[in-house]
Amino acid sequence: VACSARGATWRCCGYVWGSRSSSFRMAMQIPNSPSELFRQNQADPIGGGGGSVGAAVLERPRVEQTTAKPKTDPGKMYKVYIYNDEKHTKSYVVSVLMKVIPDMTKTRATEIMEAAHKHGSGMVGVWIFEVAEMYCDLLRTAGIQSDIVEA
């Protein structure tokens, strides 16, 4: 839109300033949504819409609702395993097990750590999926290699 002056009204860059009011108003309406653009096209005879002026009604696509099966059965139990690594000391693994797993004694944590050291993996415990996943994530956060296996 070119800048121009008509009498007491100024037009510049799509805005109109008049001498009667101190505020400005838009010279042309810019659509804020697809439905406003649709209404403008329907009301514009030059644009080829030629329809009646009114609110556009858009129908939502129908989606059939299906019952999604959960990935995990709430009744199933899952085992948490830790694996041997050369990065951490034995005392560190024992201390992490005692901090992460409630009611973990030092004796039980040492047994799990020794099993992982000798056999490559040691079973920490068996829980429902959410609890097993939480313990596995906490062990991984501490740097201990761990995994969940269905019991």
C-alpha atoms as a PDB file:
ATOM      1  CA  VAL A   1       0.000   0.000   0.000  1.00  0.00           C
ATOM      2  CA  ALA A   2       1.485   3.298  -1.020  1.00  0.00           C
ATOM      3  CA  CYS A   3       1.573   6.265   1.332  1.00  0.00           C
ATOM      4  CA  SER A   4      -0.885   9.016   0.383  1.00  0.00           C
ATOM      5  CA  ALA A   5      -2.816  11.913   1.818  1.00  0.00           C
ATOM      6  CA  ARG A   6      -6.488  12.532   1.080  1.00  0.00           C
ATOM      7  CA  GLY A   7      -7.838  15.666   2.652  1.00  0.00           C
ATOM      8  CA  ALA A   8      -7.476  15.274   6.395  1.00  0.00           C
ATOM      9  CA  THR A   9      -6.864  11.515   6.251  1.00  0.00           C
ATOM     10  CA  TRP A  10      -3.419   9.916   5.929  1.00  0.00           C
ATOM     11  CA  ARG A  11      -2.882   6.395   4.601  1.00  0.00           C
ATOM     12  CA  CYS A  12       0.430   4.667   5.010  1.00  0.00           C
ATOM     13  CA  CYS A  13       1.452   1.003   5.045  1.00  0.00           C
ATOM     14  CA  GLY A  14      -2.062  -0.290   5.601  1.00  0.00           C
ATOM     15  CA  TYR A  15      -2.961   2.135   8.420  1.00  0.00           C
ATOM     16  CA  VAL A  16      -5.302   5.138   8.297  1.00  0.00           C
ATOM     17  CA  TRP A  17      -4.859   8.197  10.492  1.00  0.00           C
ATOM     18  CA  GLY A  18      -7.721  10.656  10.535  1.00  0.00           C
ATOM     19  CA  SER A  19      -7.950  14.198  11.817  1.00  0.00           C
ATOM     20  CA  ARG A  20     -11.114  13.361  13.786  1.00  0.00           C
ATOM     21  CA  SER A  21      -9.535  10.741  16.041  1.00  0.00           C
ATOM     22  CA  SER A  22      -6.124  10.385  17.590  1.00  0.00           C
ATOM     23  CA  SER A  23      -6.102   6.621  17.223  1.00  0.00           C
ATOM     24  CA  PHE A  24      -5.538   4.709  14.031  1.00  0.00           C
ATOM     25  CA  ARG A  25      -7.471   1.892  12.437  1.00  0.00           C
ATOM     26  CA  MET A  26      -6.566  -0.697   9.855  1.00  0.00           C
ATOM     27  CA  ALA A  27      -7.240   0.272   6.239  1.00  0.00           C
ATOM     28  CA  MET A  28      -7.473  -3.348   5.197  1.00  0.00           C
ATOM     29  CA  GLN A  29      -8.278  -6.375   7.280  1.00  0.00           C
ATOM     30  CA  ILE A  30      -5.615  -9.066   7.363  1.00  0.00           C
ATOM     31  CA  PRO A  31      -7.014 -12.527   8.075  1.00  0.00           C
ATOM     32  CA  ASN A  32      -5.942 -14.022  11.373  1.00  0.00           C
ATOM     33  CA  SER A  33      -7.165 -17.525  10.647  1.00  0.00           C
ATOM     34  CA  PRO A  34      -8.074 -19.771   7.712  1.00  0.00           C
ATOM     35  CA  SER A  35     -11.778 -19.269   8.447  1.00  0.00           C
ATOM     36  CA  GLU A  36     -11.432 -15.464   8.151  1.00  0.00           C
ATOM     37  CA  LEU A  37      -9.595 -15.898   4.854  1.00  0.00           C
ATOM     38  CA  PHE A  38     -12.401 -18.209   3.680  1.00  0.00           C
ATOM     39  CA  ARG A  39     -15.034 -15.618   4.610  1.00  0.00           C
ATOM     40  CA  GLN A  40     -13.134 -12.852   2.813  1.00  0.00           C
ATOM     41  CA  ASN A  41     -12.821 -14.987  -0.322  1.00  0.00           C
ATOM     42  CA  GLN A  42     -16.551 -15.852  -0.234  1.00  0.00           C
ATOM     43  CA  ALA A  43     -17.507 -12.170   0.104  1.00  0.00           C
ATOM     44  CA  ASP A  44     -15.119 -10.969  -2.630  1.00  0.00           C
ATOM     45  CA  PRO A  45     -16.862 -11.089  -6.033  1.00  0.00           C
ATOM     46  CA  ILE A  46     -13.593 -10.342  -7.850  1.00  0.00           C
ATOM     47  CA  GLY A  47     -11.784 -13.219  -6.216  1.00  0.00           C
ATOM     48  CA  GLY A  48     -14.234 -15.663  -7.723  1.00  0.00           C
ATOM     49  CA  GLY A  49     -15.763 -16.831  -4.462  1.00  0.00           C
ATOM     50  CA  GLY A  50     -19.128 -15.209  -5.118  1.00  0.00           C
ATOM     51  CA  GLY A  51     -20.724 -16.932  -2.120  1.00  0.00           C
ATOM     52  CA  SER A  52     -22.870 -15.425   0.538  1.00  0.00           C
ATOM     53  CA  VAL A  53     -21.353 -13.445   3.369  1.00  0.00           C
ATOM     54  CA  GLY A  54     -21.448 -15.359   6.622  1.00  0.00           C
ATOM     55  CA  ALA A  55     -19.580 -17.574   8.932  1.00  0.00           C
ATOM     56  CA  ALA A  56     -17.823 -20.505   7.367  1.00  0.00           C
ATOM     57  CA  VAL A  57     -18.607 -23.889   8.859  1.00  0.00           C
ATOM     58  CA  LEU A  58     -15.805 -26.369   8.753  1.00  0.00           C
ATOM     59  CA  GLU A  59     -16.563 -29.958   9.629  1.00  0.00           C
ATOM     60  CA  ARG A  60     -14.148 -31.920  11.733  1.00  0.00           C
ATOM     61  CA  PRO A  61     -13.008 -35.206  10.278  1.00  0.00           C
ATOM     62  CA  ARG A  62     -14.596 -38.138  12.041  1.00  0.00           C
ATOM     63  CA  VAL A  63     -12.185 -40.408  13.801  1.00  0.00           C
ATOM     64  CA  GLU A  64     -13.275 -43.797  14.995  1.00  0.00           C
ATOM     65  CA  GLN A  65     -12.343 -44.393  18.580  1.00  0.00           C
ATOM     66  CA  THR A  66     -10.590 -47.634  19.263  1.00  0.00           C
ATOM     67  CA  THR A  67      -9.599 -48.974  22.592  1.00  0.00           C
ATOM     68  CA  ALA A  68      -5.836 -48.917  22.718  1.00  0.00           C
ATOM     69  CA  LYS A  69      -4.264 -51.876  24.418  1.00  0.00           C
ATOM     70  CA  PRO A  70      -1.605 -50.934  26.931  1.00  0.00           C
ATOM     71  CA  LYS A  71       1.938 -51.931  26.018  1.00  0.00           C
ATOM     72  CA  THR A  72       2.467 -53.513  29.383  1.00  0.00           C
ATOM     73  CA  ASP A  73       0.139 -55.612  31.460  1.00  0.00           C
ATOM     74  CA  PRO A  74      -0.253 -54.085  34.930  1.00  0.00           C
ATOM     75  CA  GLY A  75      -0.207 -57.559  36.475  1.00  0.00           C
ATOM     76  CA  LYS A  76       3.103 -58.628  34.939  1.00  0.00           C
ATOM     77  CA  MET A  77       6.299 -58.395  36.895  1.00  0.00           C
ATOM     78  CA  TYR A  78       9.650 -57.199  35.566  1.00  0.00           C
ATOM     79  CA  LYS A  79      13.204 -57.906  36.678  1.00  0.00           C
ATOM     80  CA  VAL A  80      15.853 -55.213  36.939  1.00  0.00           C
ATOM     81  CA  TYR A  81      19.395 -56.305  36.106  1.00  0.00           C
ATOM     82  CA  ILE A  82      22.692 -54.491  36.485  1.00  0.00           C
ATOM     83  CA  TYR A  83      25.687 -55.348  34.319  1.00  0.00           C
ATOM     84  CA  ASN A  84      29.394 -55.469  34.994  1.00  0.00           C
ATOM     85  CA  ASP A  85      31.445 -52.516  33.842  1.00  0.00           C
ATOM     86  CA  GLU A  86      35.033 -51.471  34.305  1.00  0.00           C
ATOM     87  CA  LYS A  87      34.219 -47.799  34.921  1.00  0.00           C
ATOM     88  CA  HIS A  88      32.925 -47.922  38.497  1.00  0.00           C
ATOM     89  CA  THR A  89      34.408 -49.344  41.643  1.00  0.00           C
ATOM     90  CA  LYS A  90      32.646 -52.076  43.593  1.00  0.00           C
ATOM     91  CA  SER A  91      32.041 -49.758  46.534  1.00  0.00           C
ATOM     92  CA  TYR A  92      30.422 -47.170  44.248  1.00  0.00           C
ATOM     93  CA  VAL A  93      27.993 -49.767  42.810  1.00  0.00           C
ATOM     94  CA  VAL A  94      27.081 -50.941  46.327  1.00  0.00           C
ATOM     95  CA  SER A  95      26.482 -47.377  47.531  1.00  0.00           C
ATOM     96  CA  VAL A  96      24.305 -46.548  44.491  1.00  0.00           C
ATOM     97  CA  LEU A  97      22.215 -49.699  44.985  1.00  0.00           C
ATOM     98  CA  MET A  98      21.668 -48.785  48.637  1.00  0.00           C
ATOM     99  CA  LYS A  99      20.649 -45.204  47.739  1.00  0.00           C
ATOM    100  CA  VAL A 100      18.353 -46.053  44.810  1.00  0.00           C
ATOM    101  CA  ILE A 101      16.567 -49.186  46.037  1.00  0.00           C
ATOM    102  CA  PRO A 102      14.645 -48.811  49.315  1.00  0.00           C
ATOM    103  CA  ASP A 103      15.300 -51.438  51.972  1.00  0.00           C
ATOM    104  CA  MET A 104      18.495 -52.532  50.196  1.00  0.00           C
ATOM    105  CA  THR A 105      20.986 -53.755  52.766  1.00  0.00           C
ATOM    106  CA  LYS A 106      24.718 -53.536  52.330  1.00  0.00           C
ATOM    107  CA  THR A 107      24.967 -57.347  52.324  1.00  0.00           C
ATOM    108  CA  ARG A 108      22.346 -57.738  49.575  1.00  0.00           C
ATOM    109  CA  ALA A 109      23.884 -54.912  47.497  1.00  0.00           C
ATOM    110  CA  THR A 110      27.308 -56.592  47.783  1.00  0.00           C
ATOM    111  CA  GLU A 111      25.832 -59.930  46.635  1.00  0.00           C
ATOM    112  CA  ILE A 112      24.231 -58.274  43.574  1.00  0.00           C
ATOM    113  CA  MET A 113      27.449 -56.443  42.742  1.00  0.00           C
ATOM    114  CA  GLU A 114      29.530 -59.650  43.063  1.00  0.00           C
ATOM    115  CA  ALA A 115      27.099 -61.561  40.809  1.00  0.00           C
ATOM    116  CA  ALA A 116      27.384 -58.829  38.178  1.00  0.00           C
ATOM    117  CA  HIS A 117      31.178 -58.852  38.513  1.00  0.00           C
ATOM    118  CA  LYS A 118      31.538 -62.646  38.235  1.00  0.00           C
ATOM    119  CA  HIS A 119      28.715 -63.576  35.839  1.00  0.00           C
ATOM    120  CA  GLY A 120      28.267 -60.363  33.849  1.00  0.00           C
ATOM    121  CA  SER A 121      24.858 -59.480  35.300  1.00  0.00           C
ATOM    122  CA  GLY A 122      23.108 -59.421  38.646  1.00  0.00           C
ATOM    123  CA  MET A 123      19.361 -59.285  39.337  1.00  0.00           C
ATOM    124  CA  VAL A 124      18.459 -56.353  41.566  1.00  0.00           C
ATOM    125  CA  GLY A 125      14.796 -57.251  42.105  1.00  0.00           C
ATOM    126  CA  VAL A 126      11.348 -57.898  40.646  1.00  0.00           C
ATOM    127  CA  TRP A 127       8.644 -55.199  40.522  1.00  0.00           C
ATOM    128  CA  ILE A 128       5.686 -54.034  38.441  1.00  0.00           C
ATOM    129  CA  PHE A 129       6.699 -52.220  35.248  1.00  0.00           C
ATOM    130  CA  GLU A 130       6.466 -48.622  36.482  1.00  0.00           C
ATOM    131  CA  VAL A 131       8.535 -49.282  39.594  1.00  0.00           C
ATOM    132  CA  ALA A 132      11.093 -51.380  37.690  1.00  0.00           C
ATOM    133  CA  GLU A 133      11.411 -48.652  35.065  1.00  0.00           C
ATOM    134  CA  MET A 134      11.920 -46.002  37.738  1.00  0.00           C
ATOM    135  CA  TYR A 135      14.685 -47.992  39.464  1.00  0.00           C
ATOM    136  CA  CYS A 136      16.340 -48.761  36.130  1.00  0.00           C
ATOM    137  CA  ASP A 137      16.303 -45.048  35.186  1.00  0.00           C
ATOM    138  CA  LEU A 138      17.760 -44.051  38.565  1.00  0.00           C
ATOM    139  CA  LEU A 139      20.549 -46.612  38.205  1.00  0.00           C
ATOM    140  CA  ARG A 140      21.302 -45.385  34.678  1.00  0.00           C
ATOM    141  CA  THR A 141      21.364 -41.793  35.915  1.00  0.00           C
ATOM    142  CA  ALA A 142      24.022 -42.827  38.424  1.00  0.00           C
ATOM    143  CA  GLY A 143      26.027 -44.389  35.580  1.00  0.00           C
ATOM    144  CA  ILE A 144      25.253 -48.053  36.318  1.00  0.00           C
ATOM    145  CA  GLN A 145      24.384 -50.140  33.252  1.00  0.00           C
ATOM    146  CA  SER A 146      20.942 -51.629  33.883  1.00  0.00           C
ATOM    147  CA  ASP A 147      18.013 -53.124  32.018  1.00  0.00           C
ATOM    148  CA  ILE A 148      14.440 -54.378  32.515  1.00  0.00           C
ATOM    149  CA  VAL A 149      13.433 -57.928  31.557  1.00  0.00           C
ATOM    150  CA  GLU A 150       9.955 -59.421  31.768  1.00  0.00           C
ATOM    151  CA  ALA A 151       9.797 -61.958  34.585  1.00  0.00           C
END
